[in-house]
């Protein structure tokens, strides 16, 4: 049975937060979410999150950019309108490839960078005019919040969170 009550523990130090997350997980409690004002090194490992596969997408996007560059330059400079520029005849793509390397590099980087940004926003569900999901405005300033779903263990969990260094512990009805 899933509850719609969550407990929010507020911390004022990133080292305390990291230690608390390890303590909470060692007691077999599932942390729903952690809100921080800046990235906390090691928090992903402490939460037990899997490694991201976004680097694979960066490679694929770079390959797409390289392919687009090669096809585009072959069409423009060799097939569609071949020109003798600086004494370099346009008989074949391979003969002119050294001159095309900067364009291939730039298109690879361009595609990887721009498509990675789009992928990140889509994966993070960030789009224009999206309402913030931040439950406590202090987490945009200097506080850290841990959210844990309650399962009839309110007193035990409250005690554990206070012992772990939480400066404030509150129970919230979660809106779906």
N, C-alpha and C. Protein backbone atom coordinates (compact mmCIF):
# COMPACT_ATOMS: atom_id res chain seq x y z
N UNK A 1 0.84 -1.19 0.00
CA UNK A 1 0.00 0.00 0.00
C UNK A 1 0.88 1.24 0.00
N UNK A 2 0.64 2.14 -0.91
CA UNK A 2 1.44 3.34 -1.03
C UNK A 2 0.77 4.50 -0.29
N UNK A 3 1.56 5.22 0.45
CA UNK A 3 1.06 6.36 1.20
C UNK A 3 1.27 7.63 0.39
N UNK A 4 0.47 8.65 0.68
CA UNK A 4 0.71 9.93 0.02
C UNK A 4 1.32 10.92 1.00
N UNK A 5 1.80 10.43 2.12
CA UNK A 5 2.52 11.27 3.07
C UNK A 5 4.02 11.04 2.91
N UNK A 6 4.74 12.15 2.94
CA UNK A 6 6.19 12.08 2.88
C UNK A 6 6.78 12.86 4.04
N UNK A 7 8.00 12.52 4.38
CA UNK A 7 8.70 13.25 5.44
C UNK A 7 9.83 14.02 4.78
N UNK A 8 9.94 15.29 5.13
CA UNK A 8 10.99 16.16 4.61
C UNK A 8 11.99 16.45 5.72
N UNK A 9 13.25 16.13 5.47
CA UNK A 9 14.32 16.44 6.42
C UNK A 9 15.20 17.51 5.78
N UNK A 10 15.40 18.59 6.50
CA UNK A 10 16.19 19.72 6.00
C UNK A 10 17.57 19.70 6.65
N UNK A 11 18.61 19.82 5.84
CA UNK A 11 20.00 19.83 6.32
C UNK A 11 20.65 21.14 5.89
N UNK A 12 21.67 21.56 6.66
CA UNK A 12 22.32 22.82 6.34
C UNK A 12 23.77 22.67 5.88
N UNK A 13 24.22 21.41 5.69
CA UNK A 13 25.60 21.19 5.27
C UNK A 13 25.65 19.99 4.32
N UNK A 14 26.43 20.10 3.26
CA UNK A 14 26.47 19.02 2.28
C UNK A 14 27.15 17.76 2.82
N UNK A 15 28.15 17.92 3.68
CA UNK A 15 28.79 16.74 4.27
C UNK A 15 27.84 16.01 5.21
N UNK A 16 27.07 16.77 5.98
CA UNK A 16 26.06 16.19 6.86
C UNK A 16 25.01 15.46 6.03
N UNK A 17 24.59 16.08 4.93
CA UNK A 17 23.62 15.46 4.03
C UNK A 17 24.14 14.12 3.50
N UNK A 18 25.37 14.10 3.03
CA UNK A 18 25.95 12.88 2.48
C UNK A 18 26.00 11.78 3.52
N UNK A 19 26.42 12.14 4.72
CA UNK A 19 26.46 11.18 5.82
C UNK A 19 25.06 10.69 6.17
N UNK A 20 24.08 11.59 6.18
CA UNK A 20 22.70 11.23 6.52
C UNK A 20 22.11 10.29 5.47
N UNK A 21 22.38 10.55 4.21
CA UNK A 21 21.86 9.69 3.14
C UNK A 21 22.41 8.27 3.31
N UNK A 22 23.69 8.16 3.62
CA UNK A 22 24.29 6.83 3.84
C UNK A 22 23.64 6.14 5.04
N UNK A 23 23.38 6.90 6.11
CA UNK A 23 22.75 6.34 7.31
C UNK A 23 21.32 5.89 7.01
N UNK A 24 20.57 6.73 6.32
CA UNK A 24 19.18 6.42 5.99
C UNK A 24 19.10 5.16 5.12
N UNK A 25 19.98 5.08 4.13
CA UNK A 25 19.98 3.90 3.25
C UNK A 25 20.44 2.65 3.98
N UNK A 26 21.35 2.80 4.93
CA UNK A 26 21.81 1.63 5.68
C UNK A 26 20.71 1.08 6.58
N UNK A 27 19.74 1.93 6.94
CA UNK A 27 18.59 1.49 7.74
C UNK A 27 17.44 0.98 6.85
N UNK A 28 17.73 0.81 5.55
CA UNK A 28 16.79 0.23 4.58
C UNK A 28 15.55 1.10 4.30
N UNK A 29 15.71 2.43 4.36
CA UNK A 29 14.64 3.34 3.99
C UNK A 29 14.90 3.81 2.56
N UNK A 30 13.82 3.94 1.79
CA UNK A 30 13.95 4.38 0.40
C UNK A 30 13.80 5.89 0.31
N UNK A 31 14.82 6.55 -0.18
CA UNK A 31 14.80 8.01 -0.37
C UNK A 31 14.17 8.30 -1.73
N UNK A 32 13.06 9.04 -1.70
CA UNK A 32 12.37 9.39 -2.94
C UNK A 32 13.16 10.39 -3.76
N UNK A 33 13.62 11.47 -3.11
CA UNK A 33 14.30 12.54 -3.83
C UNK A 33 15.15 13.34 -2.85
N UNK A 34 16.22 13.95 -3.39
CA UNK A 34 17.06 14.86 -2.61
C UNK A 34 17.16 16.15 -3.41
N UNK A 35 16.85 17.27 -2.77
CA UNK A 35 16.91 18.59 -3.41
C UNK A 35 18.11 19.35 -2.84
N UNK A 36 18.98 19.83 -3.73
CA UNK A 36 20.18 20.54 -3.29
C UNK A 36 20.35 21.83 -4.08
N UNK A 37 20.98 22.85 -3.48
CA UNK A 37 21.19 24.11 -4.20
C UNK A 37 22.35 24.03 -5.19
N UNK A 38 23.19 23.03 -5.07
CA UNK A 38 24.32 22.82 -5.99
C UNK A 38 24.64 21.33 -6.02
N UNK A 39 25.36 20.87 -7.05
CA UNK A 39 25.70 19.45 -7.12
C UNK A 39 26.56 19.03 -5.92
N UNK A 40 26.23 17.90 -5.32
CA UNK A 40 26.99 17.38 -4.19
C UNK A 40 27.77 16.16 -4.68
N UNK A 41 29.09 16.27 -4.65
CA UNK A 41 29.94 15.19 -5.13
C UNK A 41 29.73 13.92 -4.29
N UNK A 42 29.45 12.83 -4.97
CA UNK A 42 29.28 11.54 -4.29
C UNK A 42 27.84 11.23 -3.89
N UNK A 43 26.93 12.19 -4.08
CA UNK A 43 25.54 11.96 -3.68
C UNK A 43 24.88 10.89 -4.54
N UNK A 44 25.19 10.87 -5.82
CA UNK A 44 24.60 9.85 -6.70
C UNK A 44 25.00 8.45 -6.27
N UNK A 45 26.25 8.27 -5.87
CA UNK A 45 26.71 6.95 -5.39
C UNK A 45 26.04 6.61 -4.06
N UNK A 46 25.94 7.59 -3.17
CA UNK A 46 25.32 7.36 -1.86
C UNK A 46 23.85 7.00 -2.00
N UNK A 47 23.17 7.57 -3.01
CA UNK A 47 21.76 7.26 -3.25
C UNK A 47 21.58 5.93 -3.99
N UNK A 48 22.67 5.39 -4.52
CA UNK A 48 22.59 4.13 -5.25
C UNK A 48 22.03 4.28 -6.66
N UNK A 49 22.22 5.47 -7.24
CA UNK A 49 21.72 5.71 -8.60
C UNK A 49 22.63 5.03 -9.62
N UNK A 50 22.03 4.55 -10.70
CA UNK A 50 22.81 3.94 -11.77
C UNK A 50 23.56 5.00 -12.55
N UNK A 51 24.65 4.59 -13.19
CA UNK A 51 25.39 5.51 -14.05
C UNK A 51 24.51 5.93 -15.22
N UNK A 52 24.71 7.15 -15.67
CA UNK A 52 23.93 7.67 -16.79
C UNK A 52 24.44 7.10 -18.11
N UNK A 53 23.54 6.97 -19.05
CA UNK A 53 23.90 6.49 -20.39
C UNK A 53 23.96 7.65 -21.38
N UNK A 54 24.02 8.85 -20.87
CA UNK A 54 23.98 10.02 -21.74
C UNK A 54 25.25 10.15 -22.59
N UNK A 55 26.37 9.61 -22.11
CA UNK A 55 27.62 9.67 -22.89
C UNK A 55 27.49 8.84 -24.17
N UNK A 56 26.74 7.76 -24.12
CA UNK A 56 26.50 6.95 -25.32
C UNK A 56 25.76 7.79 -26.36
N UNK A 57 24.78 8.56 -25.89
CA UNK A 57 24.03 9.42 -26.81
C UNK A 57 24.93 10.51 -27.40
N UNK A 58 25.86 11.03 -26.60
CA UNK A 58 26.79 12.05 -27.11
C UNK A 58 27.61 11.48 -28.26
N UNK A 59 28.06 10.23 -28.12
CA UNK A 59 28.82 9.59 -29.19
C UNK A 59 27.96 9.41 -30.44
N UNK A 60 26.74 8.94 -30.25
CA UNK A 60 25.83 8.74 -31.38
C UNK A 60 25.54 10.07 -32.08
N UNK A 61 25.28 11.11 -31.29
CA UNK A 61 25.01 12.43 -31.89
C UNK A 61 26.23 12.95 -32.65
N UNK A 62 27.43 12.72 -32.13
CA UNK A 62 28.65 13.11 -32.84
C UNK A 62 28.78 12.37 -34.16
N UNK A 63 28.46 11.07 -34.15
CA UNK A 63 28.50 10.28 -35.40
C UNK A 63 27.49 10.80 -36.41
N UNK A 64 26.32 11.18 -35.93
CA UNK A 64 25.31 11.75 -36.83
C UNK A 64 25.84 13.05 -37.44
N UNK A 65 26.47 13.90 -36.62
CA UNK A 65 27.04 15.16 -37.12
C UNK A 65 28.13 14.93 -38.14
N UNK A 66 29.00 13.95 -37.89
CA UNK A 66 30.06 13.63 -38.84
C UNK A 66 29.47 13.14 -40.16
N UNK A 67 28.45 12.29 -40.07
CA UNK A 67 27.79 11.78 -41.28
C UNK A 67 27.14 12.91 -42.08
N UNK A 68 26.45 13.79 -41.39
CA UNK A 68 25.82 14.93 -42.06
C UNK A 68 26.88 15.78 -42.74
N UNK A 69 28.01 16.02 -42.07
CA UNK A 69 29.08 16.84 -42.65
C UNK A 69 29.64 16.20 -43.92
N UNK A 70 29.92 14.90 -43.86
CA UNK A 70 30.49 14.21 -45.02
C UNK A 70 29.52 14.23 -46.19
N UNK A 71 28.26 13.89 -45.93
CA UNK A 71 27.25 13.87 -47.00
C UNK A 71 27.04 15.27 -47.56
N UNK A 72 26.96 16.27 -46.69
CA UNK A 72 26.73 17.65 -47.12
C UNK A 72 27.90 18.15 -47.99
N UNK A 73 29.13 17.95 -47.53
CA UNK A 73 30.28 18.45 -48.30
C UNK A 73 30.45 17.70 -49.61
N UNK A 74 30.19 16.39 -49.59
CA UNK A 74 30.29 15.62 -50.83
C UNK A 74 29.27 16.13 -51.85
N UNK A 75 28.07 16.40 -51.41
CA UNK A 75 27.03 16.89 -52.33
C UNK A 75 27.38 18.30 -52.82
N UNK A 76 27.68 19.20 -51.89
CA UNK A 76 27.91 20.61 -52.24
C UNK A 76 29.18 20.79 -53.07
N UNK A 77 30.30 20.21 -52.61
CA UNK A 77 31.60 20.52 -53.21
C UNK A 77 32.01 19.56 -54.33
N UNK A 78 31.42 18.37 -54.39
CA UNK A 78 31.84 17.40 -55.41
C UNK A 78 30.76 17.18 -56.47
N UNK A 79 29.54 16.90 -56.05
CA UNK A 79 28.49 16.54 -57.01
C UNK A 79 27.74 17.75 -57.57
N UNK A 80 27.23 18.61 -56.70
CA UNK A 80 26.33 19.69 -57.15
C UNK A 80 27.04 20.78 -57.93
N UNK A 81 28.10 21.33 -57.35
CA UNK A 81 28.76 22.48 -57.98
C UNK A 81 30.27 22.41 -57.75
N UNK A 82 30.95 21.50 -58.42
CA UNK A 82 32.40 21.37 -58.21
C UNK A 82 33.15 22.60 -58.73
N UNK A 83 34.10 23.06 -57.94
CA UNK A 83 34.88 24.24 -58.32
C UNK A 83 36.35 23.96 -58.06
N UNK A 84 37.20 24.60 -58.81
CA UNK A 84 38.63 24.51 -58.59
C UNK A 84 39.01 25.67 -57.68
N UNK A 85 39.12 25.39 -56.39
CA UNK A 85 39.42 26.44 -55.41
C UNK A 85 40.87 26.28 -54.98
N UNK A 86 41.67 27.28 -55.22
CA UNK A 86 43.07 27.26 -54.80
C UNK A 86 43.86 26.14 -55.43
N UNK A 87 43.51 25.76 -56.65
CA UNK A 87 44.25 24.72 -57.35
C UNK A 87 43.88 23.31 -56.93
N UNK A 88 42.80 23.16 -56.17
CA UNK A 88 42.37 21.82 -55.73
C UNK A 88 41.17 21.40 -56.58
N UNK A 89 41.40 20.55 -57.56
CA UNK A 89 40.27 20.12 -58.39
C UNK A 89 39.32 19.23 -57.59
N UNK A 90 38.04 19.31 -57.91
CA UNK A 90 37.03 18.58 -57.15
C UNK A 90 36.60 17.32 -57.89
N UNK A 91 37.56 16.41 -58.13
CA UNK A 91 37.21 15.17 -58.82
C UNK A 91 36.64 14.13 -57.86
N UNK A 92 37.15 14.11 -56.65
CA UNK A 92 36.64 13.12 -55.69
C UNK A 92 36.70 13.70 -54.27
N UNK A 93 35.87 13.13 -53.43
CA UNK A 93 35.83 13.58 -52.02
C UNK A 93 37.14 13.26 -51.32
N UNK A 94 37.69 12.07 -51.56
CA UNK A 94 38.91 11.65 -50.85
C UNK A 94 40.11 12.55 -51.16
N UNK A 95 40.21 13.04 -52.40
CA UNK A 95 41.32 13.93 -52.75
C UNK A 95 41.25 15.24 -51.96
N UNK A 96 40.04 15.67 -51.63
CA UNK A 96 39.86 16.96 -50.95
C UNK A 96 39.60 16.83 -49.45
N UNK A 97 39.60 15.61 -48.94
CA UNK A 97 39.23 15.42 -47.53
C UNK A 97 40.09 16.23 -46.54
N UNK A 98 41.40 16.37 -46.73
CA UNK A 98 42.15 17.18 -45.76
C UNK A 98 41.59 18.60 -45.61
N UNK A 99 41.09 19.18 -46.68
CA UNK A 99 40.51 20.52 -46.60
C UNK A 99 39.16 20.51 -45.87
N UNK A 100 38.51 19.34 -45.82
CA UNK A 100 37.19 19.24 -45.21
C UNK A 100 37.23 18.88 -43.72
N UNK A 101 38.41 18.53 -43.20
CA UNK A 101 38.52 18.09 -41.80
C UNK A 101 37.98 19.12 -40.81
N UNK A 102 38.29 20.42 -40.95
CA UNK A 102 37.71 21.38 -39.98
C UNK A 102 36.19 21.40 -39.98
N UNK A 103 35.58 21.28 -41.14
CA UNK A 103 34.12 21.27 -41.22
C UNK A 103 33.57 20.00 -40.57
N UNK A 104 34.22 18.86 -40.82
CA UNK A 104 33.78 17.59 -40.20
C UNK A 104 33.87 17.69 -38.68
N UNK A 105 34.97 18.25 -38.18
CA UNK A 105 35.13 18.39 -36.73
C UNK A 105 34.05 19.29 -36.14
N UNK A 106 33.85 20.44 -36.77
CA UNK A 106 32.88 21.41 -36.24
C UNK A 106 31.45 20.87 -36.26
N UNK A 107 31.09 20.16 -37.32
CA UNK A 107 29.73 19.60 -37.40
C UNK A 107 29.54 18.49 -36.36
N UNK A 108 30.60 17.72 -36.10
CA UNK A 108 30.53 16.67 -35.08
C UNK A 108 30.27 17.31 -33.71
N UNK A 109 31.03 18.33 -33.38
CA UNK A 109 30.87 19.01 -32.10
C UNK A 109 29.52 19.72 -32.03
N UNK A 110 29.12 20.37 -33.10
CA UNK A 110 27.85 21.09 -33.14
C UNK A 110 26.66 20.16 -32.86
N UNK A 111 26.62 19.05 -33.58
CA UNK A 111 25.51 18.10 -33.39
C UNK A 111 25.53 17.50 -31.99
N UNK A 112 26.71 17.07 -31.53
CA UNK A 112 26.80 16.46 -30.19
C UNK A 112 26.34 17.45 -29.13
N UNK A 113 26.83 18.68 -29.19
CA UNK A 113 26.50 19.66 -28.15
C UNK A 113 25.02 20.03 -28.15
N UNK A 114 24.49 20.37 -29.31
CA UNK A 114 23.10 20.82 -29.37
C UNK A 114 22.11 19.69 -29.07
N UNK A 115 22.35 18.52 -29.62
CA UNK A 115 21.43 17.42 -29.35
C UNK A 115 21.55 16.92 -27.91
N UNK A 116 22.73 17.06 -27.31
CA UNK A 116 22.88 16.68 -25.89
C UNK A 116 22.05 17.62 -25.00
N UNK A 117 22.05 18.90 -25.29
CA UNK A 117 21.25 19.85 -24.52
C UNK A 117 19.77 19.50 -24.63
N UNK A 118 19.32 19.22 -25.84
CA UNK A 118 17.92 18.86 -26.05
C UNK A 118 17.60 17.56 -25.31
N UNK A 119 18.48 16.58 -25.40
CA UNK A 119 18.28 15.30 -24.70
C UNK A 119 18.23 15.51 -23.20
N UNK A 120 19.12 16.32 -22.67
CA UNK A 120 19.14 16.59 -21.23
C UNK A 120 17.83 17.21 -20.77
N UNK A 121 17.35 18.21 -21.50
CA UNK A 121 16.10 18.86 -21.13
C UNK A 121 14.91 17.91 -21.21
N UNK A 122 14.87 17.09 -22.24
CA UNK A 122 13.77 16.13 -22.37
C UNK A 122 13.84 15.07 -21.27
N UNK A 123 15.05 14.56 -21.00
CA UNK A 123 15.22 13.52 -19.98
C UNK A 123 14.90 14.06 -18.59
N UNK A 124 15.23 15.32 -18.35
CA UNK A 124 14.98 15.95 -17.05
C UNK A 124 13.56 16.53 -16.97
N UNK A 125 12.83 16.43 -18.05
CA UNK A 125 11.47 16.98 -18.15
C UNK A 125 11.46 18.48 -17.86
N UNK A 126 12.45 19.16 -18.41
CA UNK A 126 12.54 20.62 -18.30
C UNK A 126 12.16 21.22 -19.64
N UNK A 127 11.11 22.00 -19.66
CA UNK A 127 10.70 22.69 -20.86
C UNK A 127 10.18 24.07 -20.47
N UNK A 128 10.03 24.94 -21.46
CA UNK A 128 9.59 26.30 -21.14
C UNK A 128 8.26 26.32 -20.39
N UNK A 129 8.15 27.19 -19.45
CA UNK A 129 6.94 27.43 -18.65
C UNK A 129 6.59 26.27 -17.71
N UNK A 130 7.53 25.38 -17.47
CA UNK A 130 7.27 24.28 -16.54
C UNK A 130 7.29 24.82 -15.12
N UNK A 131 6.31 24.41 -14.33
CA UNK A 131 6.24 24.84 -12.94
C UNK A 131 7.33 24.12 -12.14
N UNK A 132 7.99 24.84 -11.27
CA UNK A 132 9.07 24.26 -10.46
C UNK A 132 8.52 23.18 -9.54
N UNK A 133 9.29 22.10 -9.37
CA UNK A 133 8.89 21.00 -8.50
C UNK A 133 9.57 21.07 -7.15
N UNK A 134 10.13 22.19 -6.84
CA UNK A 134 10.90 22.36 -5.62
C UNK A 134 9.96 22.50 -4.41
N UNK A 135 9.98 21.56 -3.46
CA UNK A 135 9.04 21.63 -2.34
C UNK A 135 9.38 22.66 -1.27
N UNK A 136 10.62 23.12 -1.24
CA UNK A 136 11.03 24.08 -0.22
C UNK A 136 11.96 25.11 -0.87
N UNK A 137 11.58 26.39 -0.83
CA UNK A 137 12.41 27.41 -1.48
C UNK A 137 13.81 27.55 -0.88
N UNK A 138 14.02 27.07 0.33
CA UNK A 138 15.36 27.16 0.93
C UNK A 138 16.39 26.31 0.18
N UNK A 139 15.92 25.31 -0.57
CA UNK A 139 16.86 24.46 -1.30
C UNK A 139 17.44 25.15 -2.53
N UNK A 140 16.94 26.33 -2.87
CA UNK A 140 17.56 27.11 -3.95
C UNK A 140 18.57 28.10 -3.38
N UNK A 141 18.66 28.17 -2.05
CA UNK A 141 19.56 29.10 -1.39
C UNK A 141 20.75 28.35 -0.78
N UNK A 142 20.54 27.73 0.39
CA UNK A 142 21.68 27.08 1.06
C UNK A 142 21.30 25.85 1.87
N UNK A 143 20.12 25.30 1.68
CA UNK A 143 19.68 24.13 2.46
C UNK A 143 19.51 22.92 1.55
N UNK A 144 19.51 21.73 2.16
CA UNK A 144 19.38 20.47 1.45
C UNK A 144 18.18 19.74 2.02
N UNK A 145 17.36 19.15 1.14
CA UNK A 145 16.14 18.49 1.59
C UNK A 145 16.13 17.04 1.12
N UNK A 146 15.82 16.14 2.05
CA UNK A 146 15.67 14.72 1.73
C UNK A 146 14.19 14.38 1.88
N UNK A 147 13.62 13.74 0.85
CA UNK A 147 12.21 13.36 0.86
C UNK A 147 12.10 11.84 0.92
N UNK A 148 11.37 11.35 1.93
CA UNK A 148 11.18 9.90 2.12
C UNK A 148 9.70 9.63 2.27
N UNK A 149 9.20 8.62 1.58
CA UNK A 149 7.80 8.24 1.69
C UNK A 149 7.57 7.51 3.01
N UNK A 150 6.46 7.84 3.68
CA UNK A 150 6.14 7.21 4.97
C UNK A 150 5.33 5.93 4.78
N UNK A 151 5.64 4.93 5.60
CA UNK A 151 4.91 3.66 5.61
C UNK A 151 4.70 3.24 7.07
N UNK A 152 3.88 3.98 7.81
CA UNK A 152 3.60 3.70 9.23
C UNK A 152 4.88 3.60 10.07
N UNK A 153 5.90 4.38 9.73
CA UNK A 153 7.16 4.36 10.48
C UNK A 153 7.58 5.79 10.84
N UNK A 154 6.60 6.62 11.13
CA UNK A 154 6.82 8.05 11.34
C UNK A 154 7.79 8.34 12.48
N UNK A 155 7.54 7.74 13.65
CA UNK A 155 8.37 8.04 14.83
C UNK A 155 9.80 7.54 14.65
N UNK A 156 9.94 6.33 14.15
CA UNK A 156 11.28 5.76 13.93
C UNK A 156 12.07 6.60 12.94
N UNK A 157 11.42 6.99 11.85
CA UNK A 157 12.08 7.77 10.81
C UNK A 157 12.43 9.18 11.29
N UNK A 158 11.52 9.82 12.01
CA UNK A 158 11.77 11.15 12.56
C UNK A 158 12.98 11.11 13.49
N UNK A 159 13.04 10.12 14.34
CA UNK A 159 14.17 9.97 15.26
C UNK A 159 15.48 9.77 14.50
N UNK A 160 15.45 8.90 13.49
CA UNK A 160 16.65 8.63 12.69
C UNK A 160 17.13 9.90 11.98
N UNK A 161 16.20 10.66 11.43
CA UNK A 161 16.58 11.88 10.70
C UNK A 161 17.16 12.93 11.63
N UNK A 162 16.59 13.08 12.80
CA UNK A 162 17.13 14.06 13.75
C UNK A 162 18.53 13.65 14.21
N UNK A 163 18.72 12.33 14.44
CA UNK A 163 20.04 11.84 14.83
C UNK A 163 21.07 12.03 13.72
N UNK A 164 20.60 12.00 12.48
CA UNK A 164 21.53 12.12 11.34
C UNK A 164 21.93 13.57 11.07
N UNK A 165 21.38 14.52 11.82
CA UNK A 165 21.80 15.92 11.68
C UNK A 165 20.80 16.84 11.02
N UNK A 166 19.55 16.40 10.86
CA UNK A 166 18.53 17.25 10.24
C UNK A 166 18.20 18.43 11.15
N UNK A 167 18.11 19.62 10.56
CA UNK A 167 17.77 20.80 11.37
C UNK A 167 16.27 20.98 11.48
N UNK A 168 15.52 20.34 10.55
CA UNK A 168 14.06 20.41 10.59
C UNK A 168 13.50 19.15 9.94
N UNK A 169 12.49 18.55 10.60
CA UNK A 169 11.82 17.38 10.06
C UNK A 169 10.33 17.67 10.05
N UNK A 170 9.69 17.51 8.88
CA UNK A 170 8.27 17.79 8.78
C UNK A 170 7.59 16.73 7.92
N UNK A 171 6.30 16.49 8.21
CA UNK A 171 5.51 15.53 7.45
C UNK A 171 4.56 16.30 6.54
N UNK A 172 4.55 15.93 5.29
CA UNK A 172 3.83 16.66 4.26
C UNK A 172 2.88 15.71 3.53
N UNK A 173 1.70 16.23 3.19
CA UNK A 173 0.79 15.50 2.29
C UNK A 173 1.28 15.79 0.87
N UNK A 174 1.63 14.75 0.15
CA UNK A 174 2.17 14.95 -1.20
C UNK A 174 1.02 15.09 -2.19
N UNK A 175 1.12 16.12 -3.04
CA UNK A 175 0.14 16.30 -4.11
C UNK A 175 0.58 15.48 -5.31
N UNK A 176 -0.35 14.77 -5.90
CA UNK A 176 -0.03 13.94 -7.07
C UNK A 176 -0.14 14.74 -8.33
